[in-house]
Amino acid sequence: MMETDYDFRRRKLKTPNGKLSILIILLLLAAGGYYLYLMITGNPDAAKNKDVKTTLVQFYNEFVKSRNVGPAAKYIYRNDGQLVVNYRFYYGDIQSFRIKKIQDIETYKKKGIVEVRTLNWKSKEFKYTDTVTLEYIEGRWQITNYWSTSSDGWPKLP
């Protein structure tokens, strides 16, 4: 005779594989740790980025004041205002800037990412992203390279 009763109380529930659970938890912790590392190292307000942020803020304050890049050139290595003069011409009227990130490249070399909000001659708002490389030269942080997405709107030669 075949038994038809089944005792559900004795049936064991399958639990997920313990090794797989531990692996998933470790991966989540590693991803969270990496995210925190990126937030701390790229954070412009981090203590290690204080002097670089100060240089960027002073540069952009001068850069925003007028289309003449002379006062802002003192923050550029060898006072080379030509590095930024074309970008400044095509920016239009700069409304604001925000330092989004400061990253380490080498010990005495950093890269700043700056978002610049402008109005062009038609009063149309644009947001550009500047990439600024700074190096610690002669006892202070100086801009050695500057590139902006504002060049995307420049006139094209035929």
C-alpha atoms as a PDB file:
ATOM      1  CA  MET A   1       0.000   0.000   0.000  1.00  0.00           C
ATOM      2  CA  MET A   2       1.174   3.426  -0.909  1.00  0.00           C
ATOM      3  CA  GLU A   3       1.327   6.100   1.700  1.00  0.00           C
ATOM      4  CA  THR A   4      -0.687   9.178   0.761  1.00  0.00           C
ATOM      5  CA  ASP A   5      -0.131  11.325   3.810  1.00  0.00           C
ATOM      6  CA  TYR A   6       2.741  13.739   3.653  1.00  0.00           C
ATOM      7  CA  ASP A   7       4.094  15.401   6.724  1.00  0.00           C
ATOM      8  CA  PHE A   8       4.826  19.007   5.801  1.00  0.00           C
ATOM      9  CA  ARG A   9       6.221  19.729   9.219  1.00  0.00           C
ATOM     10  CA  ARG A  10       9.315  17.628   8.582  1.00  0.00           C
ATOM     11  CA  ARG A  11      10.121  19.049   5.169  1.00  0.00           C
ATOM     12  CA  LYS A  12      13.173  21.275   5.203  1.00  0.00           C
ATOM     13  CA  LEU A  13      13.059  24.569   3.398  1.00  0.00           C
ATOM     14  CA  LYS A  14      15.854  25.118   0.973  1.00  0.00           C
ATOM     15  CA  THR A  15      18.094  27.956   2.019  1.00  0.00           C
ATOM     16  CA  PRO A  16      20.334  29.811  -0.380  1.00  0.00           C
ATOM     17  CA  ASN A  17      23.831  28.542  -0.714  1.00  0.00           C
ATOM     18  CA  GLY A  18      25.863  30.041   2.145  1.00  0.00           C
ATOM     19  CA  LYS A  19      28.927  30.625  -0.029  1.00  0.00           C
ATOM     20  CA  LEU A  20      26.887  32.476  -2.643  1.00  0.00           C
ATOM     21  CA  SER A  21      25.329  34.718   0.017  1.00  0.00           C
ATOM     22  CA  ILE A  22      28.725  35.584   1.448  1.00  0.00           C
ATOM     23  CA  LEU A  23      30.065  36.329  -2.037  1.00  0.00           C
ATOM     24  CA  ILE A  24      27.146  38.671  -2.805  1.00  0.00           C
ATOM     25  CA  ILE A  25      27.585  40.491   0.514  1.00  0.00           C
ATOM     26  CA  LEU A  26      31.329  40.901  -0.111  1.00  0.00           C
ATOM     27  CA  LEU A  27      30.684  42.261  -3.612  1.00  0.00           C
ATOM     28  CA  LEU A  28      28.157  44.766  -2.258  1.00  0.00           C
ATOM     29  CA  LEU A  29      30.595  45.881   0.443  1.00  0.00           C
ATOM     30  CA  ALA A  30      33.397  46.259  -2.121  1.00  0.00           C
ATOM     31  CA  ALA A  31      31.147  48.295  -4.435  1.00  0.00           C
ATOM     32  CA  GLY A  32      30.061  50.501  -1.529  1.00  0.00           C
ATOM     33  CA  GLY A  33      33.666  50.982  -0.440  1.00  0.00           C
ATOM     34  CA  TYR A  34      34.738  51.914  -3.961  1.00  0.00           C
ATOM     35  CA  TYR A  35      31.872  54.415  -4.227  1.00  0.00           C
ATOM     36  CA  LEU A  36      32.895  56.008  -0.916  1.00  0.00           C
ATOM     37  CA  TYR A  37      36.519  56.116  -2.077  1.00  0.00           C
ATOM     38  CA  LEU A  38      35.483  57.964  -5.250  1.00  0.00           C
ATOM     39  CA  MET A  39      33.328  60.368  -3.256  1.00  0.00           C
ATOM     40  CA  ILE A  40      36.128  61.162  -0.821  1.00  0.00           C
ATOM     41  CA  THR A  41      38.949  61.447  -3.354  1.00  0.00           C
ATOM     42  CA  GLY A  42      36.964  63.429  -5.935  1.00  0.00           C
ATOM     43  CA  ASN A  43      35.244  65.632  -3.395  1.00  0.00           C
ATOM     44  CA  PRO A  44      36.337  69.257  -3.889  1.00  0.00           C
ATOM     45  CA  ASP A  45      35.616  69.947  -0.220  1.00  0.00           C
ATOM     46  CA  ALA A  46      38.010  67.238   1.007  1.00  0.00           C
ATOM     47  CA  ALA A  47      40.857  68.570   3.166  1.00  0.00           C
ATOM     48  CA  LYS A  48      43.509  67.400   0.700  1.00  0.00           C
ATOM     49  CA  ASN A  49      41.878  69.440  -2.097  1.00  0.00           C
ATOM     50  CA  LYS A  50      41.550  72.672  -0.100  1.00  0.00           C
ATOM     51  CA  ASP A  51      44.391  74.598  -1.796  1.00  0.00           C
ATOM     52  CA  VAL A  52      43.444  73.415  -5.287  1.00  0.00           C
ATOM     53  CA  LYS A  53      39.828  74.440  -4.718  1.00  0.00           C
ATOM     54  CA  THR A  54      40.963  77.866  -3.500  1.00  0.00           C
ATOM     55  CA  THR A  55      43.021  78.367  -6.670  1.00  0.00           C
ATOM     56  CA  LEU A  56      40.111  77.293  -8.882  1.00  0.00           C
ATOM     57  CA  VAL A  57      37.644  79.573  -7.086  1.00  0.00           C
ATOM     58  CA  GLN A  58      39.996  82.558  -7.329  1.00  0.00           C
ATOM     59  CA  PHE A  59      40.700  81.848 -11.006  1.00  0.00           C
ATOM     60  CA  TYR A  60      37.013  81.545 -11.909  1.00  0.00           C
ATOM     61  CA  ASN A  61      36.090  84.648  -9.893  1.00  0.00           C
ATOM     62  CA  GLU A  62      38.559  86.652 -12.003  1.00  0.00           C
ATOM     63  CA  PHE A  63      37.546  84.780 -15.161  1.00  0.00           C
ATOM     64  CA  VAL A  64      33.863  85.626 -14.604  1.00  0.00           C
ATOM     65  CA  LYS A  65      34.413  89.330 -13.872  1.00  0.00           C
ATOM     66  CA  SER A  66      35.422  90.329 -17.373  1.00  0.00           C
ATOM     67  CA  ARG A  67      36.215  89.043 -20.807  1.00  0.00           C
ATOM     68  CA  ASN A  68      39.732  90.344 -20.298  1.00  0.00           C
ATOM     69  CA  VAL A  69      41.684  87.321 -19.080  1.00  0.00           C
ATOM     70  CA  GLY A  70      44.591  89.405 -17.761  1.00  0.00           C
ATOM     71  CA  PRO A  71      43.653  89.214 -14.041  1.00  0.00           C
ATOM     72  CA  ALA A  72      42.868  85.487 -14.320  1.00  0.00           C
ATOM     73  CA  ALA A  73      46.203  84.802 -16.025  1.00  0.00           C
ATOM     74  CA  LYS A  74      48.082  85.046 -12.721  1.00  0.00           C
ATOM     75  CA  TYR A  75      46.667  81.611 -11.832  1.00  0.00           C
ATOM     76  CA  ILE A  76      47.969  80.104 -15.071  1.00  0.00           C
ATOM     77  CA  TYR A  77      51.513  78.775 -15.315  1.00  0.00           C
ATOM     78  CA  ARG A  78      53.793  81.482 -16.752  1.00  0.00           C
ATOM     79  CA  ASN A  79      50.799  83.875 -16.863  1.00  0.00           C
ATOM     80  CA  ASP A  80      49.797  82.364 -20.208  1.00  0.00           C
ATOM     81  CA  GLY A  81      46.355  83.933 -20.742  1.00  0.00           C
ATOM     82  CA  GLN A  82      46.302  82.626 -24.323  1.00  0.00           C
ATOM     83  CA  LEU A  83      45.482  79.242 -22.829  1.00  0.00           C
ATOM     84  CA  VAL A  84      41.954  80.464 -22.027  1.00  0.00           C
ATOM     85  CA  VAL A  85      41.354  83.546 -24.196  1.00  0.00           C
ATOM     86  CA  ASN A  86      39.442  81.770 -26.991  1.00  0.00           C
ATOM     87  CA  TYR A  87      37.294  79.843 -24.544  1.00  0.00           C
ATOM     88  CA  ARG A  88      36.420  83.017 -22.662  1.00  0.00           C
ATOM     89  CA  PHE A  89      35.408  84.803 -25.869  1.00  0.00           C
ATOM     90  CA  TYR A  90      32.865  82.118 -26.785  1.00  0.00           C
ATOM     91  CA  TYR A  91      31.475  81.619 -23.286  1.00  0.00           C
ATOM     92  CA  GLY A  92      29.232  84.657 -23.439  1.00  0.00           C
ATOM     93  CA  ASP A  93      27.992  86.066 -20.152  1.00  0.00           C
ATOM     94  CA  ILE A  94      29.048  83.695 -17.365  1.00  0.00           C
ATOM     95  CA  GLN A  95      26.312  83.357 -14.748  1.00  0.00           C
ATOM     96  CA  SER A  96      27.877  80.887 -12.334  1.00  0.00           C
ATOM     97  CA  PHE A  97      30.372  78.080 -11.910  1.00  0.00           C
ATOM     98  CA  ARG A  98      30.472  74.979  -9.727  1.00  0.00           C
ATOM     99  CA  ILE A  99      33.463  72.791  -8.970  1.00  0.00           C
ATOM    100  CA  LYS A 100      32.142  69.280  -9.391  1.00  0.00           C
ATOM    101  CA  LYS A 101      35.232  67.172  -8.793  1.00  0.00           C
ATOM    102  CA  ILE A 102      38.942  67.347  -8.051  1.00  0.00           C
ATOM    103  CA  GLN A 103      40.924  64.210  -8.823  1.00  0.00           C
ATOM    104  CA  ASP A 104      44.524  63.208  -8.166  1.00  0.00           C
ATOM    105  CA  ILE A 105      46.580  62.525 -11.274  1.00  0.00           C
ATOM    106  CA  GLU A 106      49.972  62.362  -9.573  1.00  0.00           C
ATOM    107  CA  THR A 107      51.338  63.578  -6.250  1.00  0.00           C
ATOM    108  CA  TYR A 108      51.593  67.207  -7.310  1.00  0.00           C
ATOM    109  CA  LYS A 109      49.179  67.164 -10.242  1.00  0.00           C
ATOM    110  CA  LYS A 110      45.381  67.333 -10.061  1.00  0.00           C
ATOM    111  CA  LYS A 111      42.451  67.594 -12.416  1.00  0.00           C
ATOM    112  CA  GLY A 112      39.429  69.761 -11.662  1.00  0.00           C
ATOM    113  CA  ILE A 113      36.048  69.371 -13.332  1.00  0.00           C
ATOM    114  CA  VAL A 114      34.057  72.620 -13.328  1.00  0.00           C
ATOM    115  CA  GLU A 115      30.532  73.223 -14.602  1.00  0.00           C
ATOM    116  CA  VAL A 116      30.012  76.734 -16.027  1.00  0.00           C
ATOM    117  CA  ARG A 117      26.552  78.175 -16.693  1.00  0.00           C
ATOM    118  CA  THR A 118      26.444  80.966 -19.300  1.00  0.00           C
ATOM    119  CA  LEU A 119      24.080  83.066 -21.385  1.00  0.00           C
ATOM    120  CA  ASN A 120      24.970  83.613 -25.022  1.00  0.00           C
ATOM    121  CA  TRP A 121      24.203  86.743 -27.049  1.00  0.00           C
ATOM    122  CA  LYS A 122      20.634  85.464 -27.639  1.00  0.00           C
ATOM    123  CA  SER A 123      20.172  85.075 -23.848  1.00  0.00           C
ATOM    124  CA  LYS A 124      20.044  81.315 -24.260  1.00  0.00           C
ATOM    125  CA  GLU A 125      21.453  79.356 -21.311  1.00  0.00           C
ATOM    126  CA  PHE A 126      24.261  76.881 -21.809  1.00  0.00           C
ATOM    127  CA  LYS A 127      26.138  74.625 -19.406  1.00  0.00           C
ATOM    128  CA  TYR A 128      29.713  73.848 -20.267  1.00  0.00           C
ATOM    129  CA  THR A 129      32.162  71.533 -18.566  1.00  0.00           C
ATOM    130  CA  ASP A 130      35.736  72.691 -18.076  1.00  0.00           C
ATOM    131  CA  THR A 131      38.604  70.330 -17.400  1.00  0.00           C
ATOM    132  CA  VAL A 132      41.443  72.115 -15.636  1.00  0.00           C
ATOM    133  CA  THR A 133      44.820  70.524 -14.881  1.00  0.00           C
ATOM    134  CA  LEU A 134      46.733  72.066 -11.987  1.00  0.00           C
ATOM    135  CA  GLU A 135      50.296  71.409 -10.860  1.00  0.00           C
ATOM    136  CA  TYR A 136      52.121  72.419  -7.718  1.00  0.00           C
ATOM    137  CA  ILE A 137      54.900  74.613  -9.136  1.00  0.00           C
ATOM    138  CA  GLU A 138      57.047  77.152  -7.329  1.00  0.00           C
ATOM    139  CA  GLY A 139      55.157  76.737  -4.057  1.00  0.00           C
ATOM    140  CA  ARG A 140      51.604  77.168  -5.360  1.00  0.00           C
ATOM    141  CA  TRP A 141      48.958  75.429  -7.459  1.00  0.00           C
ATOM    142  CA  GLN A 142      48.978  76.706 -11.054  1.00  0.00           C
ATOM    143  CA  ILE A 143      46.818  75.885 -14.062  1.00  0.00           C
ATOM    144  CA  THR A 144      48.890  74.082 -16.683  1.00  0.00           C
ATOM    145  CA  ASN A 145      46.128  72.920 -19.015  1.00  0.00           C
ATOM    146  CA  TYR A 146      42.581  74.065 -19.697  1.00  0.00           C
ATOM    147  CA  TRP A 147      39.922  72.593 -21.944  1.00  0.00           C
ATOM    148  CA  SER A 148      36.223  73.370 -22.184  1.00  0.00           C
ATOM    149  CA  THR A 149      33.198  71.978 -23.969  1.00  0.00           C
ATOM    150  CA  SER A 150      32.385  75.602 -24.883  1.00  0.00           C
ATOM    151  CA  SER A 151      34.417  74.949 -28.017  1.00  0.00           C
ATOM    152  CA  ASP A 152      31.513  72.793 -29.241  1.00  0.00           C
ATOM    153  CA  GLY A 153      29.634  75.995 -30.130  1.00  0.00           C
ATOM    154  CA  TRP A 154      32.475  77.692 -31.950  1.00  0.00           C
ATOM    155  CA  PRO A 155      31.974  78.609 -35.616  1.00  0.00           C
ATOM    156  CA  LYS A 156      33.279  76.027 -38.058  1.00  0.00           C
ATOM    157  CA  LEU A 157      35.471  76.930 -40.993  1.00  0.00           C
ATOM    158  CA  PRO A 158      34.056  76.004 -44.390  1.00  0.00           C
END
